[in-house]
C-alpha atoms as a PDB file:
ATOM      1  CA  UNK A   1      11.309 -69.279  -2.165  1.00  0.00           C
ATOM      2  CA  UNK A   2       9.053 -67.407  -4.791  1.00  0.00           C
ATOM      3  CA  UNK A   3       7.849 -64.031  -3.589  1.00  0.00           C
ATOM      4  CA  UNK A   4       6.198 -61.086  -5.597  1.00  0.00           C
ATOM      5  CA  UNK A   5       7.988 -57.537  -5.442  1.00  0.00           C
ATOM      6  CA  UNK A   6       5.666 -54.930  -3.853  1.00  0.00           C
ATOM      7  CA  UNK A   7       8.062 -52.125  -4.901  1.00  0.00           C
ATOM      8  CA  UNK A   8      11.648 -52.089  -6.407  1.00  0.00           C
ATOM      9  CA  UNK A   9      14.102 -53.647  -4.485  1.00  0.00           C
ATOM     10  CA  UNK A  10      17.996 -53.104  -5.944  1.00  0.00           C
ATOM     11  CA  UNK A  11      19.931 -56.232  -7.250  1.00  0.00           C
ATOM     12  CA  UNK A  12      16.677 -58.000  -6.827  1.00  0.00           C
ATOM     13  CA  UNK A  13      13.791 -56.486  -8.867  1.00  0.00           C
ATOM     14  CA  UNK A  14      10.921 -54.432  -9.711  1.00  0.00           C
ATOM     15  CA  UNK A  15       7.510 -54.067  -8.505  1.00  0.00           C
ATOM     16  CA  UNK A  16       5.331 -56.789  -9.681  1.00  0.00           C
ATOM     17  CA  UNK A  17       8.149 -59.450 -10.691  1.00  0.00           C
ATOM     18  CA  UNK A  18       8.090 -63.108  -9.001  1.00  0.00           C
ATOM     19  CA  UNK A  19      11.577 -63.484  -7.839  1.00  0.00           C
ATOM     20  CA  UNK A  20      13.234 -66.197  -5.898  1.00  0.00           C
ATOM     21  CA  UNK A  21      14.829 -65.712  -2.796  1.00  0.00           C
ATOM     22  CA  UNK A  22      16.207 -67.566   0.470  1.00  0.00           C
ATOM     23  CA  UNK A  23      13.066 -68.434   2.812  1.00  0.00           C
ATOM     24  CA  UNK A  24      14.682 -66.361   5.674  1.00  0.00           C
ATOM     25  CA  UNK A  25      15.398 -63.360   3.992  1.00  0.00           C
ATOM     26  CA  UNK A  26      11.971 -63.318   2.780  1.00  0.00           C
ATOM     27  CA  UNK A  27      10.240 -64.091   6.070  1.00  0.00           C
ATOM     28  CA  UNK A  28      12.606 -61.887   7.739  1.00  0.00           C
ATOM     29  CA  UNK A  29      13.134 -58.849   5.620  1.00  0.00           C
ATOM     30  CA  UNK A  30      11.251 -58.690   2.575  1.00  0.00           C
ATOM     31  CA  UNK A  31       7.973 -59.373   3.904  1.00  0.00           C
ATOM     32  CA  UNK A  32       7.801 -57.937   7.229  1.00  0.00           C
ATOM     33  CA  UNK A  33       8.728 -54.546   5.623  1.00  0.00           C
ATOM     34  CA  UNK A  34       6.072 -54.890   2.907  1.00  0.00           C
ATOM     35  CA  UNK A  35       8.320 -55.254   0.059  1.00  0.00           C
ATOM     36  CA  UNK A  36       7.142 -58.799  -1.387  1.00  0.00           C
ATOM     37  CA  UNK A  37       4.474 -61.091  -0.528  1.00  0.00           C
ATOM     38  CA  UNK A  38       4.476 -65.008  -0.618  1.00  0.00           C
ATOM     39  CA  UNK A  39       4.334 -66.256  -4.551  1.00  0.00           C
ATOM     40  CA  UNK A  40       1.202 -68.846  -4.635  1.00  0.00           C
ATOM     41  CA  UNK A  41      -0.726 -70.063  -7.306  1.00  0.00           C
ATOM     42  CA  UNK A  42      -3.879 -67.568  -6.874  1.00  0.00           C
ATOM     43  CA  UNK A  43      -1.478 -64.208  -5.831  1.00  0.00           C
ATOM     44  CA  UNK A  44       0.783 -65.448  -9.049  1.00  0.00           C
ATOM     45  CA  UNK A  45      -2.023 -65.157 -11.472  1.00  0.00           C
ATOM     46  CA  UNK A  46      -3.858 -62.127 -10.561  1.00  0.00           C
ATOM     47  CA  UNK A  47       0.156 -60.608 -10.644  1.00  0.00           C
ATOM     48  CA  UNK A  48       0.803 -61.803 -13.521  1.00  0.00           C
ATOM     49  CA  UNK A  49      -2.855 -60.419 -15.179  1.00  0.00           C
ATOM     50  CA  UNK A  50      -2.315 -56.865 -13.280  1.00  0.00           C
ATOM     51  CA  UNK A  51       1.272 -56.975 -14.755  1.00  0.00           C
ATOM     52  CA  UNK A  52       0.050 -57.656 -18.408  1.00  0.00           C
ATOM     53  CA  UNK A  53      -2.723 -54.696 -18.414  1.00  0.00           C
ATOM     54  CA  UNK A  54       0.006 -52.392 -16.727  1.00  0.00           C
ATOM     55  CA  UNK A  55       2.435 -53.300 -19.756  1.00  0.00           C
ATOM     56  CA  UNK A  56      -0.223 -52.443 -22.397  1.00  0.00           C
ATOM     57  CA  UNK A  57      -1.264 -49.272 -20.746  1.00  0.00           C
ATOM     58  CA  UNK A  58       2.965 -48.060 -20.331  1.00  0.00           C
ATOM     59  CA  UNK A  59       2.804 -49.185 -24.080  1.00  0.00           C
ATOM     60  CA  UNK A  60      -0.497 -47.228 -25.099  1.00  0.00           C
ATOM     61  CA  UNK A  61       0.938 -44.336 -22.973  1.00  0.00           C
ATOM     62  CA  UNK A  62       4.118 -44.299 -24.838  1.00  0.00           C
ATOM     63  CA  UNK A  63       2.897 -44.821 -28.418  1.00  0.00           C
ATOM     64  CA  UNK A  64       0.549 -41.642 -27.862  1.00  0.00           C
ATOM     65  CA  UNK A  65       3.525 -39.784 -26.155  1.00  0.00           C
ATOM     66  CA  UNK A  66       5.519 -40.246 -29.084  1.00  0.00           C
ATOM     67  CA  UNK A  67       3.222 -39.188 -31.764  1.00  0.00           C
ATOM     68  CA  UNK A  68       2.607 -36.046 -29.630  1.00  0.00           C
ATOM     69  CA  UNK A  69       6.251 -35.025 -29.922  1.00  0.00           C
ATOM     70  CA  UNK A  70       6.308 -35.552 -33.622  1.00  0.00           C
ATOM     71  CA  UNK A  71       3.332 -32.998 -33.888  1.00  0.00           C
ATOM     72  CA  UNK A  72       5.035 -30.521 -31.096  1.00  0.00           C
ATOM     73  CA  UNK A  73       8.433 -30.645 -33.111  1.00  0.00           C
ATOM     74  CA  UNK A  74       7.262 -27.460 -35.305  1.00  0.00           C
ATOM     75  CA  UNK A  75       5.852 -25.691 -32.480  1.00  0.00           C
ATOM     76  CA  UNK A  76       7.085 -22.090 -31.890  1.00  0.00           C
ATOM     77  CA  UNK A  77       6.537 -20.116 -28.647  1.00  0.00           C
ATOM     78  CA  UNK A  78       6.917 -16.137 -28.858  1.00  0.00           C
ATOM     79  CA  UNK A  79       6.745 -14.450 -25.684  1.00  0.00           C
ATOM     80  CA  UNK A  80       6.879 -10.524 -25.794  1.00  0.00           C
ATOM     81  CA  UNK A  81       8.742  -9.158 -22.874  1.00  0.00           C
ATOM     82  CA  UNK A  82       9.970  -5.987 -21.884  1.00  0.00           C
ATOM     83  CA  UNK A  83      13.654  -5.288 -21.951  1.00  0.00           C
ATOM     84  CA  UNK A  84      15.996  -2.770 -20.740  1.00  0.00           C
ATOM     85  CA  UNK A  85      19.633  -1.522 -21.138  1.00  0.00           C
ATOM     86  CA  UNK A  86      21.772  -4.195 -23.353  1.00  0.00           C
ATOM     87  CA  UNK A  87      18.454  -5.943 -23.989  1.00  0.00           C
ATOM     88  CA  UNK A  88      18.162  -7.351 -20.492  1.00  0.00           C
ATOM     89  CA  UNK A  89      14.672  -8.641 -19.510  1.00  0.00           C
ATOM     90  CA  UNK A  90      13.016  -7.202 -16.847  1.00  0.00           C
ATOM     91  CA  UNK A  91      12.488 -10.323 -14.942  1.00  0.00           C
ATOM     92  CA  UNK A  92      12.750 -13.549 -16.293  1.00  0.00           C
ATOM     93  CA  UNK A  93      10.972 -16.178 -18.993  1.00  0.00           C
ATOM     94  CA  UNK A  94      10.043 -19.890 -17.185  1.00  0.00           C
ATOM     95  CA  UNK A  95       8.292 -22.502 -17.290  1.00  0.00           C
ATOM     96  CA  UNK A  96       4.931 -21.298 -16.533  1.00  0.00           C
ATOM     97  CA  UNK A  97       5.321 -18.970 -18.912  1.00  0.00           C
ATOM     98  CA  UNK A  98       5.807 -21.426 -21.784  1.00  0.00           C
ATOM     99  CA  UNK A  99       3.074 -23.612 -20.525  1.00  0.00           C
ATOM    100  CA  UNK A 100       0.788 -21.000 -20.221  1.00  0.00           C
ATOM    101  CA  UNK A 101       1.767 -20.014 -24.145  1.00  0.00           C
ATOM    102  CA  UNK A 102       1.441 -23.518 -25.043  1.00  0.00           C
ATOM    103  CA  UNK A 103      -2.239 -24.024 -23.892  1.00  0.00           C
ATOM    104  CA  UNK A 104      -3.303 -21.022 -25.538  1.00  0.00           C
ATOM    105  CA  UNK A 105      -2.025 -22.514 -28.615  1.00  0.00           C
ATOM    106  CA  UNK A 106      -4.294 -25.322 -27.759  1.00  0.00           C
ATOM    107  CA  UNK A 107      -1.122 -28.075 -26.480  1.00  0.00           C
ATOM    108  CA  UNK A 108      -1.960 -28.633 -22.156  1.00  0.00           C
ATOM    109  CA  UNK A 109       1.385 -29.628 -21.023  1.00  0.00           C
ATOM    110  CA  UNK A 110       2.103 -29.304 -17.255  1.00  0.00           C
ATOM    111  CA  UNK A 111       4.874 -26.524 -16.481  1.00  0.00           C
ATOM    112  CA  UNK A 112       6.862 -29.504 -14.572  1.00  0.00           C
ATOM    113  CA  UNK A 113       7.413 -31.129 -17.769  1.00  0.00           C
ATOM    114  CA  UNK A 114       9.154 -28.343 -19.516  1.00  0.00           C
ATOM    115  CA  UNK A 115      12.936 -28.728 -19.096  1.00  0.00           C
ATOM    116  CA  UNK A 116      14.555 -25.128 -18.315  1.00  0.00           C
ATOM    117  CA  UNK A 117      17.700 -25.503 -16.020  1.00  0.00           C
ATOM    118  CA  UNK A 118      17.571 -21.920 -15.529  1.00  0.00           C
ATOM    119  CA  UNK A 119      14.744 -19.039 -16.227  1.00  0.00           C
ATOM    120  CA  UNK A 120      15.837 -17.162 -19.323  1.00  0.00           C
ATOM    121  CA  UNK A 121      17.104 -13.659 -19.079  1.00  0.00           C
ATOM    122  CA  UNK A 122      17.900 -12.668 -22.573  1.00  0.00           C
ATOM    123  CA  UNK A 123      16.491 -12.194 -25.763  1.00  0.00           C
ATOM    124  CA  UNK A 124      16.778 -14.854 -28.505  1.00  0.00           C
ATOM    125  CA  UNK A 125      15.445 -18.129 -29.878  1.00  0.00           C
ATOM    126  CA  UNK A 126      16.013 -21.366 -27.281  1.00  0.00           C
ATOM    127  CA  UNK A 127      15.117 -24.875 -28.211  1.00  0.00           C
ATOM    128  CA  UNK A 128      13.648 -26.218 -24.941  1.00  0.00           C
ATOM    129  CA  UNK A 129      12.996 -29.734 -24.211  1.00  0.00           C
ATOM    130  CA  UNK A 130       9.516 -30.936 -23.145  1.00  0.00           C
ATOM    131  CA  UNK A 131       9.126 -34.330 -21.238  1.00  0.00           C
ATOM    132  CA  UNK A 132       5.899 -35.935 -22.417  1.00  0.00           C
ATOM    133  CA  UNK A 133       6.819 -39.719 -20.834  1.00  0.00           C
ATOM    134  CA  UNK A 134       9.514 -41.617 -20.037  1.00  0.00           C
ATOM    135  CA  UNK A 135      11.912 -41.529 -22.564  1.00  0.00           C
ATOM    136  CA  UNK A 136       9.977 -39.370 -24.631  1.00  0.00           C
ATOM    137  CA  UNK A 137      10.976 -35.662 -25.274  1.00  0.00           C
ATOM    138  CA  UNK A 138       9.511 -33.175 -27.369  1.00  0.00           C
ATOM    139  CA  UNK A 139      11.679 -30.082 -28.627  1.00  0.00           C
ATOM    140  CA  UNK A 140       9.883 -26.820 -29.055  1.00  0.00           C
ATOM    141  CA  UNK A 141      11.193 -23.228 -30.192  1.00  0.00           C
ATOM    142  CA  UNK A 142      10.917 -20.133 -27.973  1.00  0.00           C
ATOM    143  CA  UNK A 143      11.053 -17.247 -29.219  1.00  0.00           C
ATOM    144  CA  UNK A 144      11.907 -14.239 -26.655  1.00  0.00           C
ATOM    145  CA  UNK A 145      11.299 -11.010 -28.222  1.00  0.00           C
ATOM    146  CA  UNK A 146      11.079  -7.066 -27.194  1.00  0.00           C
ATOM    147  CA  UNK A 147       7.639  -6.240 -26.404  1.00  0.00           C
ATOM    148  CA  UNK A 148       7.107  -3.333 -28.719  1.00  0.00           C
ATOM    149  CA  UNK A 149       3.627  -2.508 -27.425  1.00  0.00           C
ATOM    150  CA  UNK A 150       4.871  -2.022 -23.502  1.00  0.00           C
ATOM    151  CA  UNK A 151       6.697   1.476 -22.625  1.00  0.00           C
ATOM    152  CA  UNK A 152      10.099   1.150 -21.623  1.00  0.00           C
ATOM    153  CA  UNK A 153      10.222   1.781 -17.489  1.00  0.00           C
ATOM    154  CA  UNK A 154      13.577   4.195 -18.235  1.00  0.00           C
ATOM    155  CA  UNK A 155      11.951   6.338 -20.936  1.00  0.00           C
ATOM    156  CA  UNK A 156       8.781   6.742 -18.934  1.00  0.00           C
ATOM    157  CA  UNK A 157      10.913   7.780 -16.285  1.00  0.00           C
ATOM    158  CA  UNK A 158      12.508  10.230 -17.890  1.00  0.00           C
ATOM    159  CA  UNK A 159       9.539  11.798 -19.467  1.00  0.00           C
ATOM    160  CA  UNK A 160       7.985  12.016 -16.237  1.00  0.00           C
ATOM    161  CA  UNK A 161      10.912  13.958 -14.936  1.00  0.00           C
ATOM    162  CA  UNK A 162      10.391  16.289 -17.891  1.00  0.00           C
ATOM    163  CA  UNK A 163       6.629  16.570 -17.493  1.00  0.00           C
ATOM    164  CA  UNK A 164       7.577  17.838 -13.961  1.00  0.00           C
ATOM    165  CA  UNK A 165      10.341  20.151 -15.083  1.00  0.00           C
ATOM    166  CA  UNK A 166       7.773  21.523 -17.611  1.00  0.00           C
ATOM    167  CA  UNK A 167       4.935  21.767 -14.989  1.00  0.00           C
ATOM    168  CA  UNK A 168       7.724  23.329 -12.519  1.00  0.00           C
ATOM    169  CA  UNK A 169       8.508  26.033 -14.910  1.00  0.00           C
ATOM    170  CA  UNK A 170       5.026  26.570 -16.107  1.00  0.00           C
ATOM    171  CA  UNK A 171       3.833  27.404 -12.055  1.00  0.00           C
ATOM    172  CA  UNK A 172       6.776  29.512 -11.953  1.00  0.00           C
ATOM    173  CA  UNK A 173       6.193  31.715 -14.827  1.00  0.00           C
ATOM    174  CA  UNK A 174       1.954  31.537 -13.628  1.00  0.00           C
ATOM    175  CA  UNK A 175       3.250  32.931 -10.333  1.00  0.00           C
ATOM    176  CA  UNK A 176       5.379  35.567 -12.303  1.00  0.00           C
ATOM    177  CA  UNK A 177       2.056  36.371 -13.996  1.00  0.00           C
ATOM    178  CA  UNK A 178       0.550  36.642 -11.122  1.00  0.00           C
ATOM    179  CA  UNK A 179       2.853  38.936  -9.094  1.00  0.00           C
ATOM    180  CA  UNK A 180       3.006  41.154 -11.886  1.00  0.00           C
ATOM    181  CA  UNK A 181      -0.884  41.767 -12.312  1.00  0.00           C
ATOM    182  CA  UNK A 182      -0.875  42.514  -8.889  1.00  0.00           C
ATOM    183  CA  UNK A 183       1.363  45.163  -9.344  1.00  0.00           C
ATOM    184  CA  UNK A 184      -0.278  46.536 -11.934  1.00  0.00           C
ATOM    185  CA  UNK A 185      -3.445  46.606 -10.122  1.00  0.00           C
ATOM    186  CA  UNK A 186      -1.778  47.898  -6.900  1.00  0.00           C
ATOM    187  CA  UNK A 187       0.027  51.137  -9.154  1.00  0.00           C
ATOM    188  CA  UNK A 188      -3.788  51.375 -10.662  1.00  0.00           C
ATOM    189  CA  UNK A 189      -5.420  51.736  -7.829  1.00  0.00           C
ATOM    190  CA  UNK A 190      -2.618  54.244  -6.502  1.00  0.00           C
ATOM    191  CA  UNK A 191      -3.195  56.346  -9.550  1.00  0.00           C
ATOM    192  CA  UNK A 192      -6.827  56.270  -9.044  1.00  0.00           C
ATOM    193  CA  UNK A 193      -6.369  57.403  -5.461  1.00  0.00           C
ATOM    194  CA  UNK A 194      -4.530  60.149  -6.577  1.00  0.00           C
ATOM    195  CA  UNK A 195      -6.709  61.633  -9.385  1.00  0.00           C
ATOM    196  CA  UNK A 196      -9.467  61.265  -6.980  1.00  0.00           C
ATOM    197  CA  UNK A 197      -7.412  63.315  -4.292  1.00  0.00           C
ATOM    198  CA  UNK A 198      -6.853  66.040  -7.365  1.00  0.00           C
ATOM    199  CA  UNK A 199     -10.369  65.886  -7.850  1.00  0.00           C
ATOM    200  CA  UNK A 200     -11.449  66.590  -4.033  1.00  0.00           C
ATOM    201  CA  UNK A 201      -8.983  69.629  -4.353  1.00  0.00           C
ATOM    202  CA  UNK A 202     -10.241  71.133  -7.303  1.00  0.00           C
ATOM    203  CA  UNK A 203     -13.615  70.787  -5.877  1.00  0.00           C
ATOM    204  CA  UNK A 204     -12.190  72.783  -2.735  1.00  0.00           C
ATOM    205  CA  UNK A 205     -10.562  75.375  -4.571  1.00  0.00           C
ATOM    206  CA  UNK A 206     -13.168  75.923  -6.414  1.00  0.00           C
ATOM    207  CA  UNK A 207     -15.822  76.157  -3.693  1.00  0.00           C
ATOM    208  CA  UNK A 208     -13.288  78.819  -1.916  1.00  0.00           C
ATOM    209  CA  UNK A 209     -13.072  81.258  -4.886  1.00  0.00           C
ATOM    210  CA  UNK A 210     -16.800  81.260  -5.670  1.00  0.00           C
ATOM    211  CA  UNK A 211     -18.125  83.435  -2.997  1.00  0.00           C
ATOM    212  CA  UNK A 212     -15.114  85.618  -3.119  1.00  0.00           C
ATOM    213  CA  UNK A 213     -15.925  86.468  -6.645  1.00  0.00           C
ATOM    214  CA  UNK A 214     -19.654  87.050  -5.926  1.00  0.00           C
ATOM    215  CA  UNK A 215     -18.832  89.557  -3.367  1.00  0.00           C
ATOM    216  CA  UNK A 216     -16.199  91.613  -5.782  1.00  0.00           C
ATOM    217  CA  UNK A 217     -18.927  91.346  -8.467  1.00  0.00           C
ATOM    218  CA  UNK A 218     -21.784  92.816  -5.670  1.00  0.00           C
ATOM    219  CA  UNK A 219     -19.038  95.545  -4.676  1.00  0.00           C
ATOM    220  CA  UNK A 220     -18.705  96.562  -8.832  1.00  0.00           C
ATOM    221  CA  UNK A 221     -22.688  96.990  -9.113  1.00  0.00           C
ATOM    222  CA  UNK A 222     -22.646  99.185  -5.971  1.00  0.00           C
ATOM    223  CA  UNK A 223     -20.288 101.665  -6.975  1.00  0.00           C
ATOM    224  CA  UNK A 224     -21.831 101.605 -10.078  1.00  0.00           C
END
Protein backbone atom coordinates (compact mmCIF):
# COMPACT_ATOMS: atom_id res chain seq x y z
CA UNK A 1 0.00 0.00 0.00
CA UNK A 2 1.28 3.46 -0.89
CA UNK A 3 1.08 6.36 1.54
CA UNK A 4 2.33 9.94 1.53
CA UNK A 5 4.29 10.78 4.67
CA UNK A 6 3.13 13.91 6.47
CA UNK A 7 6.18 14.01 8.74
CA UNK A 8 9.60 12.40 8.98
CA UNK A 9 9.36 8.77 10.08
CA UNK A 10 12.61 7.08 11.16
CA UNK A 11 13.65 4.17 8.93
CA UNK A 12 10.77 4.90 6.60
CA UNK A 13 11.18 8.25 4.91
CA UNK A 14 10.92 12.05 5.05
CA UNK A 15 7.88 14.28 4.87
CA UNK A 16 6.31 14.36 1.39
CA UNK A 17 7.73 11.07 0.26
CA UNK A 18 5.52 8.35 -1.24
CA UNK A 19 6.40 5.01 0.34
CA UNK A 20 5.12 1.47 0.29
CA UNK A 21 3.97 0.02 3.61
CA UNK A 22 1.82 -2.87 4.78
CA UNK A 23 -1.92 -1.99 4.85
CA UNK A 24 -2.25 -2.82 8.53
CA UNK A 25 0.70 -0.58 9.47
CA UNK A 26 -0.79 2.27 7.45
CA UNK A 27 -4.38 1.96 8.71
CA UNK A 28 -3.60 1.11 12.34
CA UNK A 29 -0.57 3.31 12.99
CA UNK A 30 0.50 5.87 10.40
CA UNK A 31 -2.86 7.26 9.24
CA UNK A 32 -4.58 7.47 12.68
CA UNK A 33 -1.60 9.39 14.06
CA UNK A 34 -1.57 11.88 11.18
CA UNK A 35 1.78 10.61 9.99
CA UNK A 36 0.62 9.60 6.50
CA UNK A 37 -2.19 9.83 3.95
CA UNK A 38 -3.39 7.26 1.48
CA UNK A 39 -1.66 7.93 -1.84
CA UNK A 40 -4.32 8.12 -4.54
CA UNK A 41 -3.66 9.52 -8.02
CA UNK A 42 -4.80 13.06 -7.19
CA UNK A 43 -2.97 13.38 -3.90
CA UNK A 44 0.19 11.95 -5.37
CA UNK A 45 0.21 14.54 -8.13
CA UNK A 46 -0.42 17.35 -5.61
CA UNK A 47 2.31 16.12 -3.32
CA UNK A 48 4.79 15.76 -6.16
CA UNK A 49 4.12 19.29 -7.34
CA UNK A 50 4.49 20.68 -3.83
CA UNK A 51 7.69 18.72 -3.35
CA UNK A 52 9.18 20.12 -6.55
CA UNK A 53 8.36 23.66 -5.43
CA UNK A 54 9.89 22.98 -2.04
CA UNK A 55 13.05 21.55 -3.50
CA UNK A 56 13.40 24.53 -5.84
CA UNK A 57 13.00 26.95 -2.92
CA UNK A 58 15.58 25.01 -0.90
CA UNK A 59 18.10 25.09 -3.74
CA UNK A 60 17.58 28.82 -4.23
CA UNK A 61 17.94 29.53 -0.50
CA UNK A 62 21.11 27.46 -0.31
CA UNK A 63 22.66 29.26 -3.29
CA UNK A 64 21.88 32.61 -1.71
CA UNK A 65 23.34 31.46 1.62
CA UNK A 66 26.52 30.25 -0.06
CA UNK A 67 26.93 33.57 -1.86
CA UNK A 68 26.38 35.42 1.42
CA UNK A 69 28.94 33.23 3.19
CA UNK A 70 31.49 34.05 0.48
CA UNK A 71 30.91 37.80 0.96
CA UNK A 72 31.09 37.55 4.75
CA UNK A 73 34.42 35.77 4.90
CA UNK A 74 36.25 39.12 5.15
CA UNK A 75 33.88 40.65 7.71
CA UNK A 76 35.51 41.93 10.91
CA UNK A 77 33.67 42.83 14.08
CA UNK A 78 35.46 45.06 16.58
CA UNK A 79 33.99 45.28 20.06
CA UNK A 80 35.59 47.73 22.57
CA UNK A 81 35.10 46.52 26.14
CA UNK A 82 36.06 47.61 29.64
CA UNK A 83 38.73 45.48 31.27
CA UNK A 84 40.18 45.14 34.74
CA UNK A 85 43.20 43.44 36.22
CA UNK A 86 44.97 40.92 33.95
CA UNK A 87 42.85 42.20 31.03
CA UNK A 88 39.76 40.38 32.28
CA UNK A 89 36.49 41.75 30.91
CA UNK A 90 33.85 43.38 33.04
CA UNK A 91 31.04 41.14 31.81
CA UNK A 92 31.38 39.21 28.54
CA UNK A 93 30.81 39.37 24.78
CA UNK A 94 27.73 37.46 23.62
CA UNK A 95 26.19 36.47 20.31
CA UNK A 96 23.74 39.35 20.75
CA UNK A 97 26.65 41.84 20.90
CA UNK A 98 28.14 40.43 17.70
CA UNK A 99 24.76 40.45 15.91
CA UNK A 100 24.24 44.09 16.89
CA UNK A 101 27.58 45.13 15.38
CA UNK A 102 26.93 43.08 12.23
CA UNK A 103 23.58 44.84 11.79
CA UNK A 104 25.30 48.23 12.06
CA UNK A 105 27.60 47.12 9.24
CA UNK A 106 24.67 46.09 7.06
CA UNK A 107 24.71 42.36 7.82
CA UNK A 108 21.36 41.53 9.47
CA UNK A 109 22.09 38.18 11.11
CA UNK A 110 20.00 36.74 13.94
CA UNK A 111 21.89 36.17 17.19
CA UNK A 112 20.76 32.53 17.27
CA UNK A 113 22.73 31.90 14.05
CA UNK A 114 26.00 33.02 15.66
CA UNK A 115 27.72 29.99 17.15
CA UNK A 116 29.31 30.79 20.53
CA UNK A 117 29.69 27.81 22.83
CA UNK A 118 30.43 30.17 25.72
CA UNK A 119 30.51 33.99 25.96
CA UNK A 120 33.90 35.61 25.30
CA UNK A 121 35.54 36.86 28.50
CA UNK A 122 39.05 37.80 27.39
CA UNK A 123 40.68 40.19 24.95
CA UNK A 124 41.79 38.75 21.62
CA UNK A 125 40.81 37.79 18.09
CA UNK A 126 38.27 35.01 17.59
CA UNK A 127 36.99 33.10 14.57
CA UNK A 128 33.22 32.87 15.08
CA UNK A 129 30.99 30.64 12.88
CA UNK A 130 27.68 32.00 11.60
CA UNK A 131 25.14 29.42 10.40
CA UNK A 132 23.38 30.95 7.38
CA UNK A 133 21.49 27.85 6.26
CA UNK A 134 21.56 24.10 6.64
CA UNK A 135 25.13 23.09 5.83
CA UNK A 136 26.22 26.68 5.01
CA UNK A 137 28.46 28.35 7.58
CA UNK A 138 30.35 31.64 7.31
CA UNK A 139 33.26 32.48 9.58
CA UNK A 140 33.79 36.05 10.76
CA UNK A 141 36.64 37.55 12.73
CA UNK A 142 35.71 39.14 16.07
CA UNK A 143 38.20 41.54 17.69
CA UNK A 144 37.65 42.10 21.39
CA UNK A 145 39.74 45.13 22.36
CA UNK A 146 40.10 47.41 25.37
CA UNK A 147 37.88 50.47 25.34
CA UNK A 148 40.38 53.31 25.83
CA UNK A 149 37.63 55.93 26.05
CA UNK A 150 35.98 54.36 29.11
CA UNK A 151 37.48 55.03 32.56
CA UNK A 152 38.88 52.12 34.53
CA UNK A 153 36.38 51.48 37.34
CA UNK A 154 39.17 50.55 39.77
CA UNK A 155 41.14 53.69 38.90
CA UNK A 156 37.99 55.78 39.19
CA UNK A 157 37.40 54.33 42.66
CA UNK A 158 40.95 55.20 43.74
CA UNK A 159 40.58 58.72 42.35
CA UNK A 160 37.31 59.14 44.21
CA UNK A 161 39.03 58.03 47.42
CA UNK A 162 41.88 60.48 46.88
CA UNK A 163 39.45 63.31 46.14
CA UNK A 164 37.49 62.48 49.29
CA UNK A 165 40.70 62.52 51.35
CA UNK A 166 41.72 65.86 49.87
CA UNK A 167 38.26 67.26 50.54
CA UNK A 168 38.43 66.09 54.14
CA UNK A 169 41.87 67.68 54.56
CA UNK A 170 40.63 70.95 53.07
CA UNK A 171 37.60 70.90 55.33
CA UNK A 172 39.79 70.29 58.39
CA UNK A 173 42.11 73.12 57.32
CA UNK A 174 39.11 75.39 56.87
CA UNK A 175 37.85 74.52 60.33
CA UNK A 176 41.29 75.31 61.81
CA UNK A 177 41.36 78.68 60.06
CA UNK A 178 37.85 79.44 61.31
CA UNK A 179 38.86 78.60 64.90
CA UNK A 180 41.98 80.74 64.60
CA UNK A 181 39.96 83.64 63.24
CA UNK A 182 37.43 83.24 66.03
CA UNK A 183 40.24 83.28 68.64
CA UNK A 184 41.75 86.36 67.02
CA UNK A 185 38.40 88.16 67.06
CA UNK A 186 37.95 87.20 70.73
CA UNK A 187 41.38 88.58 71.63
CA UNK A 188 40.64 91.81 69.75
CA UNK A 189 37.34 92.22 71.59
CA UNK A 190 39.07 91.65 74.97
CA UNK A 191 41.76 94.18 74.05
CA UNK A 192 39.16 96.72 73.01
CA UNK A 193 37.27 96.12 76.25
CA UNK A 194 40.41 96.65 78.32
CA UNK A 195 41.28 99.81 76.42
CA UNK A 196 37.74 101.06 76.90
CA UNK A 197 37.92 100.39 80.63
CA UNK A 198 41.25 102.21 80.80
CA UNK A 199 39.71 105.16 79.01
CA UNK A 200 36.81 105.28 81.42
CA UNK A 201 39.17 105.15 84.43
CA UNK A 202 41.31 107.92 83.00
CA UNK A 203 38.30 110.10 82.45
CA UNK A 204 37.14 109.48 86.00
CA UNK A 205 40.53 110.45 87.42
CA UNK A 206 40.52 113.58 85.34
CA UNK A 207 37.09 114.50 86.67
CA UNK A 208 38.14 113.95 90.34
CA UNK A 209 41.33 116.00 90.05
CA UNK A 210 39.82 119.06 88.34
CA UNK A 211 37.76 120.44 91.36
CA UNK A 212 40.73 120.11 93.75
CA UNK A 213 42.99 121.98 91.41
CA UNK A 214 40.32 124.69 91.01
CA UNK A 215 39.98 125.07 94.81
CA UNK A 216 43.74 125.32 95.29
CA UNK A 217 43.93 127.97 92.59
CA UNK A 218 41.08 129.95 94.28
CA UNK A 219 42.80 129.84 97.74
CA UNK A 220 46.04 131.09 96.28
CA UNK A 221 44.19 134.00 94.63
CA UNK A 222 42.58 135.08 97.93
CA UNK A 223 45.90 134.95 99.75
CA UNK A 224 47.38 137.23 97.19
